[in-house]
N, C-alpha and C. Protein backbone atom coordinates (compact mmCIF):
# COMPACT_ATOMS: atom_id res chain seq x y z
N MET A 1 0.85 -1.17 0.00
CA MET A 1 0.00 0.00 0.00
C MET A 1 0.90 1.24 0.00
N ASP A 2 0.58 2.21 -0.83
CA ASP A 2 1.40 3.41 -0.86
C ASP A 2 1.08 4.32 0.33
N SER A 3 2.00 5.24 0.59
CA SER A 3 1.88 6.07 1.79
C SER A 3 0.67 7.00 1.76
N GLU A 4 0.27 7.46 0.58
CA GLU A 4 -0.89 8.35 0.50
C GLU A 4 -2.17 7.59 0.87
N ALA A 5 -2.33 6.38 0.38
CA ALA A 5 -3.51 5.57 0.71
C ALA A 5 -3.53 5.24 2.20
N LEU A 6 -2.37 4.91 2.75
CA LEU A 6 -2.29 4.60 4.17
C LEU A 6 -2.62 5.84 5.01
N SER A 7 -2.17 7.00 4.57
CA SER A 7 -2.48 8.22 5.32
C SER A 7 -3.99 8.47 5.38
N LYS A 8 -4.69 8.13 4.32
CA LYS A 8 -6.15 8.30 4.31
C LYS A 8 -6.81 7.36 5.30
N LEU A 9 -6.30 6.14 5.44
CA LEU A 9 -6.84 5.20 6.42
C LEU A 9 -6.59 5.69 7.84
N VAL A 10 -5.40 6.26 8.07
CA VAL A 10 -5.09 6.80 9.39
C VAL A 10 -6.06 7.93 9.74
N VAL A 11 -6.32 8.81 8.79
CA VAL A 11 -7.26 9.92 9.02
C VAL A 11 -8.66 9.37 9.32
N GLN A 12 -9.09 8.36 8.58
CA GLN A 12 -10.40 7.76 8.83
C GLN A 12 -10.49 7.19 10.24
N GLY A 13 -9.42 6.54 10.68
CA GLY A 13 -9.40 6.01 12.04
C GLY A 13 -9.50 7.10 13.08
N MET A 14 -8.85 8.22 12.82
CA MET A 14 -8.94 9.36 13.74
C MET A 14 -10.35 9.95 13.75
N GLN A 15 -10.92 10.11 12.58
CA GLN A 15 -12.26 10.68 12.48
C GLN A 15 -13.31 9.78 13.14
N GLU A 16 -13.11 8.49 13.07
CA GLU A 16 -14.06 7.53 13.65
C GLU A 16 -14.27 7.79 15.14
N LYS A 17 -13.21 8.24 15.82
CA LYS A 17 -13.30 8.49 17.27
C LYS A 17 -13.30 9.98 17.61
N LYS A 18 -13.75 10.78 16.63
CA LYS A 18 -13.98 12.22 16.85
C LYS A 18 -12.73 12.98 17.27
N ALA A 19 -11.60 12.69 16.65
CA ALA A 19 -10.37 13.44 16.91
C ALA A 19 -10.54 14.90 16.50
N ASN A 20 -9.86 15.78 17.18
CA ASN A 20 -9.91 17.22 16.90
C ASN A 20 -8.70 17.65 16.10
N ASP A 21 -8.87 18.70 15.31
CA ASP A 21 -7.76 19.38 14.63
C ASP A 21 -6.81 18.42 13.91
N ILE A 22 -7.35 17.62 13.02
CA ILE A 22 -6.51 16.69 12.26
C ILE A 22 -5.75 17.47 11.19
N VAL A 23 -4.43 17.26 11.18
CA VAL A 23 -3.56 17.92 10.23
C VAL A 23 -2.62 16.89 9.62
N ILE A 24 -2.46 16.96 8.31
CA ILE A 24 -1.52 16.10 7.60
C ILE A 24 -0.32 16.96 7.20
N LEU A 25 0.86 16.54 7.60
CA LEU A 25 2.09 17.19 7.17
C LEU A 25 2.68 16.33 6.06
N ASP A 26 2.66 16.83 4.85
CA ASP A 26 3.22 16.11 3.70
C ASP A 26 4.71 16.41 3.66
N LEU A 27 5.51 15.42 4.03
CA LEU A 27 6.96 15.56 4.10
C LEU A 27 7.65 14.95 2.88
N SER A 28 6.88 14.52 1.90
CA SER A 28 7.45 13.79 0.77
C SER A 28 8.47 14.60 -0.02
N ASP A 29 8.38 15.92 -0.01
CA ASP A 29 9.34 16.76 -0.72
C ASP A 29 10.37 17.41 0.19
N VAL A 30 10.34 17.05 1.47
CA VAL A 30 11.28 17.62 2.44
C VAL A 30 12.53 16.75 2.51
N LYS A 31 13.67 17.37 2.27
CA LYS A 31 14.93 16.63 2.28
C LYS A 31 15.21 16.04 3.66
N ASN A 32 15.62 14.78 3.68
CA ASN A 32 15.98 14.05 4.90
C ASN A 32 14.82 13.84 5.87
N ALA A 33 13.60 13.88 5.38
CA ALA A 33 12.45 13.62 6.24
C ALA A 33 12.41 12.14 6.63
N VAL A 34 11.90 11.87 7.80
CA VAL A 34 11.88 10.51 8.32
C VAL A 34 10.69 9.68 7.80
N ALA A 35 9.73 10.34 7.18
CA ALA A 35 8.54 9.67 6.66
C ALA A 35 7.95 10.53 5.55
N ASP A 36 7.00 9.97 4.82
CA ASP A 36 6.30 10.75 3.78
C ASP A 36 5.22 11.65 4.38
N PHE A 37 4.55 11.14 5.43
CA PHE A 37 3.46 11.89 6.06
C PHE A 37 3.53 11.77 7.57
N PHE A 38 3.33 12.89 8.25
CA PHE A 38 3.01 12.91 9.67
C PHE A 38 1.55 13.32 9.74
N ILE A 39 0.77 12.62 10.53
CA ILE A 39 -0.63 12.98 10.72
C ILE A 39 -0.84 13.22 12.20
N LEU A 40 -1.31 14.41 12.52
CA LEU A 40 -1.48 14.83 13.90
C LEU A 40 -2.95 15.05 14.21
N CYS A 41 -3.32 14.74 15.45
CA CYS A 41 -4.67 15.07 15.91
C CYS A 41 -4.62 15.29 17.41
N SER A 42 -5.70 15.86 17.93
CA SER A 42 -5.82 16.13 19.36
C SER A 42 -7.03 15.40 19.92
N ALA A 43 -6.95 15.14 21.22
CA ALA A 43 -8.05 14.49 21.94
C ALA A 43 -8.26 15.21 23.26
N ASN A 44 -9.46 15.11 23.78
CA ASN A 44 -9.82 15.83 25.00
C ASN A 44 -9.44 15.10 26.29
N SER A 45 -9.19 13.81 26.20
CA SER A 45 -8.89 13.04 27.41
C SER A 45 -7.94 11.90 27.07
N ASP A 46 -7.33 11.33 28.10
CA ASP A 46 -6.43 10.20 27.85
C ASP A 46 -7.20 8.98 27.34
N THR A 47 -8.45 8.85 27.73
CA THR A 47 -9.29 7.76 27.23
C THR A 47 -9.52 7.92 25.73
N GLN A 48 -9.78 9.15 25.29
CA GLN A 48 -9.98 9.39 23.86
C GLN A 48 -8.68 9.19 23.08
N VAL A 49 -7.55 9.59 23.64
CA VAL A 49 -6.25 9.35 22.99
C VAL A 49 -6.08 7.87 22.71
N ASP A 50 -6.35 7.06 23.71
CA ASP A 50 -6.23 5.61 23.59
C ASP A 50 -7.20 5.04 22.55
N ALA A 51 -8.44 5.52 22.56
CA ALA A 51 -9.45 5.04 21.61
C ALA A 51 -9.09 5.41 20.18
N ILE A 52 -8.56 6.60 19.97
CA ILE A 52 -8.16 7.02 18.63
C ILE A 52 -7.01 6.15 18.14
N ALA A 53 -6.04 5.90 19.00
CA ALA A 53 -4.90 5.05 18.61
C ALA A 53 -5.38 3.66 18.19
N ASP A 54 -6.28 3.07 18.97
CA ASP A 54 -6.81 1.76 18.63
C ASP A 54 -7.55 1.80 17.30
N SER A 55 -8.31 2.86 17.06
CA SER A 55 -9.07 3.00 15.83
C SER A 55 -8.14 3.14 14.61
N VAL A 56 -7.07 3.90 14.75
CA VAL A 56 -6.10 4.07 13.67
C VAL A 56 -5.51 2.71 13.29
N GLU A 57 -5.10 1.94 14.28
CA GLU A 57 -4.53 0.62 14.01
C GLU A 57 -5.56 -0.31 13.36
N GLU A 58 -6.79 -0.24 13.83
CA GLU A 58 -7.85 -1.08 13.29
C GLU A 58 -8.13 -0.76 11.82
N PHE A 59 -8.25 0.51 11.49
CA PHE A 59 -8.50 0.91 10.11
C PHE A 59 -7.35 0.49 9.20
N ALA A 60 -6.12 0.72 9.66
CA ALA A 60 -4.95 0.38 8.84
C ALA A 60 -4.87 -1.12 8.59
N PHE A 61 -5.21 -1.91 9.58
CA PHE A 61 -5.11 -3.35 9.41
C PHE A 61 -6.29 -3.94 8.64
N LYS A 62 -7.51 -3.57 9.02
CA LYS A 62 -8.69 -4.16 8.38
C LYS A 62 -8.85 -3.73 6.93
N GLN A 63 -8.50 -2.49 6.61
CA GLN A 63 -8.72 -2.01 5.25
C GLN A 63 -7.44 -2.02 4.40
N GLY A 64 -6.28 -2.02 5.05
CA GLY A 64 -5.05 -1.94 4.27
C GLY A 64 -4.05 -3.03 4.57
N LYS A 65 -4.39 -3.93 5.50
CA LYS A 65 -3.48 -5.02 5.90
C LYS A 65 -2.12 -4.49 6.36
N GLU A 66 -2.13 -3.30 6.96
CA GLU A 66 -0.90 -2.67 7.45
C GLU A 66 -0.85 -2.76 8.98
N LYS A 67 0.30 -3.16 9.48
CA LYS A 67 0.55 -3.19 10.92
C LYS A 67 1.64 -2.17 11.23
N PRO A 68 1.57 -1.55 12.40
CA PRO A 68 2.62 -0.58 12.75
C PRO A 68 3.97 -1.27 12.94
N TRP A 69 5.01 -0.54 12.55
CA TRP A 69 6.36 -1.01 12.79
C TRP A 69 6.72 -0.81 14.25
N GLN A 70 6.24 0.31 14.82
CA GLN A 70 6.53 0.63 16.21
C GLN A 70 5.44 1.52 16.78
N LYS A 71 5.24 1.42 18.11
CA LYS A 71 4.28 2.27 18.83
C LYS A 71 4.96 2.78 20.10
N GLU A 72 4.65 4.01 20.44
CA GLU A 72 5.19 4.62 21.66
C GLU A 72 4.07 5.37 22.38
N GLY A 73 4.14 5.42 23.71
CA GLY A 73 3.25 6.26 24.50
C GLY A 73 1.95 5.64 24.93
N LYS A 74 1.77 4.35 24.66
CA LYS A 74 0.50 3.70 25.00
C LYS A 74 0.25 3.69 26.51
N ASN A 75 1.30 3.67 27.30
CA ASN A 75 1.13 3.62 28.76
C ASN A 75 0.69 4.94 29.37
N ASN A 76 1.27 6.07 28.90
CA ASN A 76 0.91 7.34 29.53
C ASN A 76 -0.30 8.01 28.88
N ARG A 77 -0.62 7.64 27.64
CA ARG A 77 -1.83 8.09 26.93
C ARG A 77 -1.95 9.61 26.85
N GLU A 78 -0.81 10.29 26.71
CA GLU A 78 -0.84 11.74 26.49
C GLU A 78 -0.36 12.08 25.08
N TRP A 79 0.53 11.24 24.54
CA TRP A 79 1.00 11.38 23.17
C TRP A 79 1.34 9.98 22.70
N ILE A 80 0.50 9.45 21.84
CA ILE A 80 0.77 8.13 21.27
C ILE A 80 1.25 8.32 19.84
N LEU A 81 2.38 7.68 19.55
CA LEU A 81 2.96 7.72 18.22
C LEU A 81 2.82 6.32 17.62
N ILE A 82 2.26 6.25 16.42
CA ILE A 82 2.13 4.97 15.72
C ILE A 82 2.89 5.11 14.41
N ASP A 83 3.96 4.34 14.29
CA ASP A 83 4.89 4.46 13.16
C ASP A 83 4.64 3.33 12.16
N PHE A 84 4.14 3.70 10.99
CA PHE A 84 3.96 2.75 9.89
C PHE A 84 5.09 2.88 8.87
N VAL A 85 6.21 3.46 9.25
CA VAL A 85 7.41 3.73 8.47
C VAL A 85 7.22 4.93 7.54
N THR A 86 6.37 4.83 6.53
CA THR A 86 6.18 5.96 5.61
C THR A 86 5.13 6.95 6.11
N VAL A 87 4.32 6.51 7.05
CA VAL A 87 3.28 7.35 7.66
C VAL A 87 3.41 7.22 9.17
N VAL A 88 3.44 8.36 9.85
CA VAL A 88 3.53 8.35 11.31
C VAL A 88 2.35 9.13 11.87
N ALA A 89 1.56 8.46 12.72
CA ALA A 89 0.41 9.09 13.36
C ALA A 89 0.80 9.57 14.74
N HIS A 90 0.42 10.80 15.06
CA HIS A 90 0.66 11.40 16.37
C HIS A 90 -0.69 11.75 16.97
N ILE A 91 -1.03 11.10 18.08
CA ILE A 91 -2.30 11.36 18.75
C ILE A 91 -1.97 12.01 20.09
N PHE A 92 -2.36 13.27 20.24
CA PHE A 92 -1.99 14.07 21.41
C PHE A 92 -3.21 14.40 22.27
N LYS A 93 -3.00 14.49 23.58
CA LYS A 93 -3.91 15.26 24.41
C LYS A 93 -3.66 16.71 24.02
N THR A 94 -4.69 17.51 24.00
CA THR A 94 -4.59 18.87 23.46
C THR A 94 -3.44 19.68 24.07
N ASP A 95 -3.27 19.64 25.38
CA ASP A 95 -2.21 20.44 26.01
C ASP A 95 -0.82 19.99 25.58
N LYS A 96 -0.63 18.70 25.38
CA LYS A 96 0.67 18.18 24.93
C LYS A 96 0.96 18.60 23.49
N ARG A 97 -0.06 18.60 22.66
CA ARG A 97 0.15 19.01 21.27
C ARG A 97 0.58 20.47 21.21
N ASN A 98 -0.05 21.31 22.00
CA ASN A 98 0.32 22.72 22.04
C ASN A 98 1.76 22.90 22.53
N HIS A 99 2.16 22.08 23.48
CA HIS A 99 3.50 22.16 24.04
C HIS A 99 4.57 21.78 23.01
N TYR A 100 4.39 20.67 22.31
CA TYR A 100 5.41 20.17 21.38
C TYR A 100 5.36 20.85 20.01
N ASN A 101 4.20 21.30 19.58
CA ASN A 101 4.04 22.10 18.37
C ASN A 101 4.80 21.55 17.16
N LEU A 102 4.53 20.31 16.79
CA LEU A 102 5.23 19.67 15.68
C LEU A 102 5.00 20.36 14.34
N GLU A 103 3.87 21.03 14.20
CA GLU A 103 3.60 21.73 12.94
C GLU A 103 4.69 22.75 12.63
N ASP A 104 5.18 23.44 13.65
CA ASP A 104 6.24 24.42 13.43
C ASP A 104 7.61 23.77 13.26
N LEU A 105 7.79 22.62 13.88
CA LEU A 105 9.07 21.91 13.77
C LEU A 105 9.34 21.50 12.32
N TRP A 106 8.29 21.11 11.61
CA TRP A 106 8.41 20.71 10.21
C TRP A 106 7.85 21.82 9.33
N GLY A 107 8.43 23.00 9.42
CA GLY A 107 7.95 24.17 8.71
C GLY A 107 8.00 24.06 7.19
N ASP A 108 8.86 23.17 6.66
CA ASP A 108 8.98 23.00 5.21
C ASP A 108 7.88 22.11 4.63
N ALA A 109 7.15 21.45 5.49
CA ALA A 109 6.14 20.50 5.04
C ALA A 109 4.91 21.22 4.47
N LYS A 110 4.26 20.57 3.53
CA LYS A 110 2.98 21.05 3.05
C LYS A 110 1.93 20.64 4.10
N VAL A 111 1.16 21.61 4.58
CA VAL A 111 0.18 21.37 5.64
C VAL A 111 -1.21 21.24 5.04
N ILE A 112 -1.87 20.13 5.36
CA ILE A 112 -3.24 19.88 4.88
C ILE A 112 -4.13 19.73 6.10
N GLU A 113 -5.07 20.65 6.28
CA GLU A 113 -6.00 20.56 7.39
C GLU A 113 -7.21 19.76 6.97
N VAL A 114 -7.58 18.80 7.81
CA VAL A 114 -8.71 17.93 7.50
C VAL A 114 -9.96 18.48 8.19
N ALA A 115 -11.01 18.69 7.42
CA ALA A 115 -12.25 19.25 7.98
C ALA A 115 -12.95 18.24 8.85
């Protein structure tokens, strides 16, 4: 599955659990980028962070037969990172997302806001 198709599945998984402020950072034209896409979203509680992460994995596997290469943050449920190699999902509690501000860190990326 190509990275663009996988990114769409990740977004669907986020939307399924009512994630807030979904943003896709297209890094495909950024030199030395670690992935083609970073997809960020916010959640109102640690329970919602966990539910969104589970939904992202479910959509990627059931519809795209994709499993994550690595996952981080499942225990603290404030920032869960799901790494599919070419696509990386970042699910934040709102305050943590504001603190780390990844959108500014990757300023060269094309930013796509998902309605």
